[in-house]
Protein backbone atom coordinates (compact mmCIF):
# COMPACT_ATOMS: atom_id res chain seq x y z
CA MET A 1 15.34 0.50 11.79
CA LEU A 2 12.27 -0.49 9.82
CA ASN A 3 11.38 -4.15 9.88
CA ILE A 4 9.29 -5.00 6.82
CA GLN A 5 7.56 -8.39 6.61
CA LYS A 6 6.02 -9.25 3.26
CA PHE A 7 3.21 -11.70 2.51
CA GLU A 8 1.86 -12.56 -0.94
CA LEU A 9 -1.80 -13.28 -0.36
CA GLY A 10 -4.68 -14.70 -2.35
CA PRO A 11 -4.86 -15.99 -5.92
CA LEU A 12 -3.49 -12.70 -7.28
CA GLU A 13 -0.60 -12.80 -4.78
CA ALA A 14 -1.15 -9.23 -3.64
CA CYS A 15 1.67 -8.02 -1.43
CA CYS A 16 0.79 -7.22 2.16
CA TYR A 17 3.44 -5.54 4.29
CA ILE A 18 3.65 -5.44 8.06
CA ILE A 19 5.96 -2.71 9.32
CA SER A 20 7.44 -2.51 12.80
CA THR A 21 10.48 -1.04 14.54
CA ARG A 22 12.67 -1.80 17.53
CA ILE A 23 11.30 1.19 19.40
CA SER A 24 7.87 -0.21 20.26
CA SER A 25 5.48 -3.08 19.64
CA LYS A 26 3.35 -0.97 17.30
CA ALA A 27 2.82 -2.07 13.72
CA VAL A 28 1.48 -0.72 10.44
CA ILE A 29 -0.29 -3.03 7.99
CA ILE A 30 -0.34 -2.15 4.29
CA ASP A 31 -2.80 -3.81 1.90
CA PRO A 32 -4.10 -6.85 3.79
CA GLY A 33 -5.65 -8.99 1.07
CA GLU A 34 -6.92 -12.47 1.76
CA GLU A 35 -5.50 -15.16 4.09
CA THR A 36 -5.66 -12.92 7.14
CA ASP A 37 -4.71 -15.90 9.31
CA LYS A 38 -1.14 -15.46 8.07
CA ILE A 39 -1.17 -11.81 9.10
CA ILE A 40 -2.63 -12.53 12.52
CA ASP A 41 -0.24 -15.43 13.14
CA TYR A 42 2.73 -13.17 12.41
CA ILE A 43 1.39 -10.39 14.64
CA ASN A 44 0.86 -12.84 17.48
CA LYS A 45 4.28 -14.42 17.03
CA LYS A 46 6.02 -11.04 17.12
CA LYS A 47 3.70 -9.72 19.86
CA LEU A 48 2.82 -6.67 17.79
CA ASP A 49 0.07 -4.12 18.29
CA PRO A 50 -1.27 -3.05 14.86
CA ILE A 51 -2.43 0.56 15.08
CA ILE A 52 -2.66 1.64 11.44
CA LEU A 53 -3.96 -0.12 8.31
CA ILE A 54 -3.29 1.62 5.00
CA ASN A 55 -4.86 0.61 1.70
CA THR A 56 -2.83 1.83 -1.29
CA HIS A 57 -6.03 1.61 -3.34
CA GLY A 58 -9.50 0.14 -3.13
CA HIS A 59 -9.38 -3.07 -5.17
CA GLY A 60 -10.60 -6.23 -3.48
CA ASP A 61 -7.28 -8.06 -3.57
CA HIS A 62 -5.78 -5.27 -1.42
CA ILE A 63 -8.62 -4.70 1.05
CA GLY A 64 -9.98 -8.21 1.56
CA GLY A 65 -8.62 -8.50 5.10
CA ASN A 66 -9.82 -5.11 6.35
CA LYS A 67 -13.05 -6.36 7.92
CA GLU A 68 -11.50 -9.26 9.81
CA LEU A 69 -8.55 -7.20 11.04
CA LYS A 70 -10.79 -4.35 12.22
CA LYS A 71 -12.89 -6.91 14.11
CA ARG A 72 -9.78 -8.45 15.63
CA TYR A 73 -8.12 -5.10 16.41
CA PRO A 74 -10.96 -2.58 16.96
CA ASP A 75 -8.61 0.36 17.57
CA ILE A 76 -6.75 -0.02 14.29
CA GLN A 77 -7.17 3.00 12.02
CA ILE A 78 -8.13 2.18 8.42
CA CYS A 79 -6.65 4.77 6.04
CA VAL A 80 -7.32 5.25 2.32
CA HIS A 81 -7.19 8.09 -0.19
CA ASN A 82 -10.31 10.17 -0.50
CA ASP A 83 -10.90 9.18 -4.13
CA ASP A 84 -11.00 5.44 -3.33
CA ALA A 85 -12.88 5.68 -0.03
CA GLU A 86 -16.21 4.52 -1.48
CA MET A 87 -14.56 1.39 -2.89
CA LEU A 88 -13.99 0.01 0.59
CA THR A 89 -17.66 -0.48 1.31
CA ASP A 90 -18.93 -1.31 -2.19
CA PRO A 91 -18.13 -4.75 -3.66
CA TYR A 92 -19.11 -3.49 -7.11
CA LYS A 93 -16.66 -0.61 -6.99
CA ASN A 94 -13.84 -2.63 -5.39
CA LEU A 95 -14.36 -5.31 -8.09
CA SER A 96 -14.38 -8.20 -5.61
CA LEU A 97 -17.56 -9.50 -7.23
CA LEU A 98 -15.56 -10.21 -10.38
CA SER A 99 -13.78 -12.98 -8.47
CA GLY A 100 -16.99 -14.33 -6.99
CA LYS A 101 -16.42 -12.69 -3.62
CA ARG A 102 -18.09 -9.83 -1.81
CA TYR A 103 -15.61 -7.78 0.14
CA VAL A 104 -17.17 -5.06 2.26
CA SER A 105 -14.65 -3.26 4.42
CA PRO A 106 -15.53 -1.00 7.32
CA PRO A 107 -15.34 2.63 6.22
CA ALA A 108 -12.06 4.46 6.60
CA ASN A 109 -11.20 6.02 9.94
CA ARG A 110 -8.89 8.46 8.21
CA ILE A 111 -9.15 9.90 4.72
CA LEU A 112 -5.79 10.56 3.07
CA ASN A 113 -4.76 13.19 0.56
CA HIS A 114 -1.53 14.07 -1.21
CA ASN A 115 1.33 15.06 1.11
CA ASP A 116 -0.51 13.96 4.25
CA LYS A 117 1.82 12.57 6.89
CA ILE A 118 1.44 9.52 9.11
CA MET A 119 3.70 9.42 12.14
CA PHE A 120 4.96 6.00 13.23
CA ASP A 121 7.55 5.77 16.00
CA GLU A 122 10.52 7.81 14.71
CA TYR A 123 9.38 7.60 11.09
CA THR A 124 7.23 9.91 9.02
CA PHE A 125 5.32 8.34 6.14
CA ARG A 126 4.36 10.81 3.42
CA ILE A 127 1.40 10.06 1.20
CA LEU A 128 1.89 10.47 -2.56
CA HIS A 129 -1.29 10.58 -4.62
CA LEU A 130 -0.60 8.37 -7.65
CA PRO A 131 -3.75 8.19 -9.79
CA GLY A 132 -3.78 5.98 -12.85
CA HIS A 133 -4.46 2.44 -11.66
CA THR A 134 -7.37 3.81 -9.64
CA SER A 135 -8.41 7.39 -9.02
CA GLY A 136 -7.19 7.27 -5.42
CA GLY A 137 -4.07 5.14 -5.71
CA ILE A 138 -1.29 6.21 -3.37
CA GLY A 139 2.32 5.58 -2.56
CA ILE A 140 3.63 5.57 1.01
CA TYR A 141 7.09 7.09 1.26
CA THR A 142 9.58 7.53 4.05
CA ASP A 143 12.95 9.19 3.70
CA SER A 144 14.76 7.38 6.51
CA THR A 145 18.27 8.48 5.59
CA CYS A 146 18.58 10.08 9.04
CA ASN A 147 18.93 6.53 10.36
CA GLY A 148 21.38 5.43 7.70
CA GLU A 149 18.69 3.51 5.85
CA ALA A 150 17.68 3.86 2.23
CA PRO A 151 14.38 5.64 1.59
CA VAL A 152 11.40 3.34 1.09
CA LEU A 153 8.31 3.59 -1.10
CA PHE A 154 5.30 1.27 -0.98
CA SER A 155 3.99 1.84 -4.50
CA GLY A 156 0.78 -0.20 -4.53
CA ASP A 157 -0.23 -1.13 -8.07
CA THR A 158 1.26 1.98 -9.67
CA LEU A 159 4.74 0.65 -10.40
CA PHE A 160 6.14 -2.88 -10.24
CA ALA A 161 9.57 -4.34 -10.89
CA GLY A 162 9.62 -4.13 -14.67
CA GLY A 163 5.99 -3.17 -15.11
CA ILE A 164 3.15 -0.78 -14.37
CA GLY A 165 -0.37 -1.23 -13.07
CA ARG A 166 -3.20 -1.94 -15.47
CA THR A 167 -5.27 1.05 -16.49
CA ASP A 168 -8.27 -0.58 -18.20
CA LEU A 169 -10.41 -0.86 -15.07
CA PRO A 170 -12.86 1.77 -13.76
CA GLY A 171 -10.94 4.82 -12.59
CA GLY A 172 -7.87 3.86 -14.59
CA SER A 173 -5.92 6.17 -16.88
CA TYR A 174 -2.68 5.35 -18.68
CA HIS A 175 -1.86 9.03 -19.07
CA LEU A 176 -2.31 9.72 -15.36
CA LEU A 177 -0.37 6.60 -14.37
CA ILE A 178 2.68 7.58 -16.42
CA GLN A 179 2.40 11.13 -15.13
CA SER A 180 2.27 9.88 -11.53
CA ILE A 181 5.35 7.73 -12.03
CA LYS A 182 7.36 10.49 -13.71
CA GLN A 183 6.31 13.28 -11.36
CA TYR A 184 6.27 11.58 -7.98
CA ILE A 185 8.30 8.34 -8.15
CA PHE A 186 11.11 8.99 -10.60
CA THR A 187 11.91 12.27 -8.85
CA LEU A 188 12.68 10.45 -5.59
CA ASP A 189 16.19 9.53 -4.47
CA GLU A 190 17.40 6.86 -6.90
CA ASN A 191 18.38 4.64 -3.96
CA THR A 192 14.74 4.46 -2.86
CA ILE A 193 13.63 0.85 -2.39
CA ILE A 194 10.25 0.22 -4.01
CA HIS A 195 7.95 -2.37 -2.44
CA PRO A 196 5.11 -2.88 -4.96
CA GLY A 197 1.61 -4.29 -4.68
CA HIS A 198 2.62 -7.43 -6.60
CA GLY A 199 5.95 -9.08 -7.26
CA SER A 200 9.48 -8.42 -6.11
CA SER A 201 11.01 -5.24 -4.75
CA THR A 202 13.12 -2.93 -6.89
CA THR A 203 14.63 0.57 -6.79
CA VAL A 204 13.89 3.91 -8.41
CA GLU A 205 17.24 3.76 -10.22
CA VAL A 206 16.53 0.35 -11.76
CA GLU A 207 13.03 1.27 -12.92
CA LYS A 208 14.11 4.59 -14.45
CA GLU A 209 16.67 2.68 -16.52
CA ARG A 210 14.10 0.08 -17.55
CA PHE A 211 11.43 2.49 -18.64
CA ASN A 212 13.63 5.28 -19.96
CA PHE A 213 10.90 7.85 -19.35
CA PHE A 214 13.54 10.58 -19.19
């Protein structure tokens, strides 16, 4: 069974998720923003071994902890979509300079593309390319119904509970964002639990009813 620990980090309260299972001590970290001490404290408390770090997109509030975590855990694999890869290492492109900071992440160890798969214990995470908030925004999906669990999607800043990501920043497109949601999120099992990049969790069923895109 997936164990999902959520932290809301930094002034923008970006959601960071730490995923683990009962099978091993391995862990996946999604979108480590600021306050990496909270992430490290949890990892130490649970005696976890973080092996994969996935950024759903390249904005500073979602990658701010990459550098410190890579230093702390040298073997961790940083993963990001190809279209946002340059944002990791460029504080202008990741917009961290807008908040008076200068986030420079190590480059990605693995470049992701649509439908790529990441194996983690008995789970398979499928990458969904969801452009619109940024060019390389992604969702991370696992259909874990084989274990009696509801499917899970980590949606980044594409879709929130009752809202969508902003599209007025470089690389943003309202048309592409709506297309991504309709084509790749609202076609998932309606019981899919959505864990967004900001705010509370929701489901595909609830958001389809709210937005009435169909």
